[in-house]
Amino acid sequence: MRKASWWLVLASLVMTMMVVTTPQTVQAAENSKQVLLVYDSQNVADHGQAKIAAVQRILTGLHVRVTTMAAEDYRAGELADYSGVVTLINWPQTKLDNAAFVRDRNRFNGPQLHIGMNLTATEAQRLHAHRTNLYQQQFSLQAVHQGVQQLLPFKTSLTTLTDLPTDARTIGWLTPQSLNDRRYPYGTIVDRNGYLPFLSTGGYAFMLATQTIATLFGTSGHYQPLLTIAKVTPYSNLELLDQLSAWLYAQGIPFAVSTTTVGDNGSFKAYQRFAKVLRRVENRGGVIFLKTPVVGGVTASSGPGLNKLMNSYLIQFAQNQVYPVGISSSAYWNQDRVYRTNSLAKANQVLLLPNPATTTYAHQDNQATIFKQAFYGISATSFESVKQGANLSRSGLDFAIPTALTMTMPNRQASLEDVTRRIHRMNYQWYDPTQQMRQTLIKAGTATIGYHQGTYFLNGAATQVTNEAPRTQTLAPVKPAQSWMNRFFKTQGVVLLVFFSLTLGIFGLFIVIGRRVYLNMFKPK
């Protein structure tokens, strides 16, 4: 009984030490804000799910943890666990009928944002403004201080605010085409309350929406866009990619490439050609984001397989001097526990891209994590209709979150010429990874890949990238940190080994002596 009690105490001590010595991941900052995103409907017919994903990505880019749920799933009192709340109306024809959520939201004192129609009287009162409904209108969106305007799609109905208080902050103005002498605020912030009459997933309206959200939650910044060539694979036209990277380098334009890869066949000539082009990208001022694999037939138990696959991708890349600075994936990967834990969590920097038409989850939990830096990937096409007047300054547009403007990898010479022509017309001052990118870190098993100010690091040591094929190398493993628990069990193992060795030796000696005594009993005296 005493032995059982002793082992129980020892087990409790070990468990306590495990909790104390468990390392914190780079994404899990305890002091980060936590926001609840509540939507009324996905409204797939009107692409409402894309708006949900957009808000999720915006908040992640702002280092805000976001939990997403449908209004019908909300339970009374849950809002008390969050520091902010966002209400997203995707289907204004249906009423948000969860009384518990509405009641808790009305009592909530933290930052709260309403996006879309059906702004309640209580929400309008908190904004100290009056609601005005407009019908069958087309608006132009502009911000006077930036000298930018964009013509928006036709709106059948829109709820705007009037009679704003003097301390209200407005971000952008909506001017009806039929009433040029009237204008209405787009983004509105009064105290800790915000309102956006609608949300666009691209263009100037998207930019002003991110500024509104960032300002409301107190994390607004100023970022230049990262030019990103997306949808690159080992089977792309590598000659065109080489030409494009050479042109960007000659133009002095920093850029990134989001590419998939393969986990084996690294010795094949086709893969070596692929790796060689990516090394040239790195030596021309470009950086690489490893794109997550295509999903199919996954379950909640697919984590170990995904973890092994991602490790093989990263290690084979590193053996060929291709060093990713982050992981790129569709936005919904951050809403899935299996994908997030076994893929995205390997990096402290990610590029979150728009979701595909069909999303396949392994274990959806809608508990997004945050990263040291998360780029919001958005098609550059959505900004090409923005009118900035005669003079387009090199300062470019003001992004409130880290943003990557993506262009699809060209597949023929004509499309390459079109891409270079479009990039030349954009005339942004692009984000430069060698000067502006935070120190990155990716873990693949025991190996680490880092990047800082134009220098790549493999297992903590600076390394050079050569254009030619490197010699075959084996990644040096990183020795794990020794915890008290590890040293305890290691010492215990040595003690037990010595103890059992001595015991066996003594037993062997007793057997020899006993045999001699036994034989001497039968010898004649």
Foldseek 3Di string as FASTA:
>chain_A
DVVVVVVVVVVVVLVVQCVVPPDDFQQDDPPAFEEEEEEADCPVVVNSVLVVLLVCQLCQLLSYWYFYDYLVPDDAPPCVVGQEYEYEYPDVVDDSPNPRVVVVVLVDDHAYEYAADDQDPSLCVQQVWDKDKDAFWWWWKDDVVQLWIFTDDTDGMWIFTPPGDPPKDAQIWIATPVHNPDITGAWIDDDRYIYGNHADSFAPSPQSVSQSVCVNVVRFDWDFAAAEAEDAELPAPLVLLLVLLVVCLVVVHAHEYEYEYFLDPLVDPSNLSVLLSLLVSLVSQYAYAYEQDDDDDAALPCQVVSLQGQLSRQQSSVQFVRFHQAHEYESQLQQAPSSCVRPRSQKLEYEYEHDDPDDDGHHGRSGGTHHPRYADEDAPVRHPRMDNPDDDDQQADTHRGHYYHYDYRDRDPVVSVVVVVVVVVRNYNHDRCLPPNDWMWGDRPQWIWIDHNSFIDIRRHTDDRDSHGDDRDDRDGHDDDDDPSNVVVVVVVVVVVVVVVVVVVVVVVVVVVVVVVVVVVPDDD
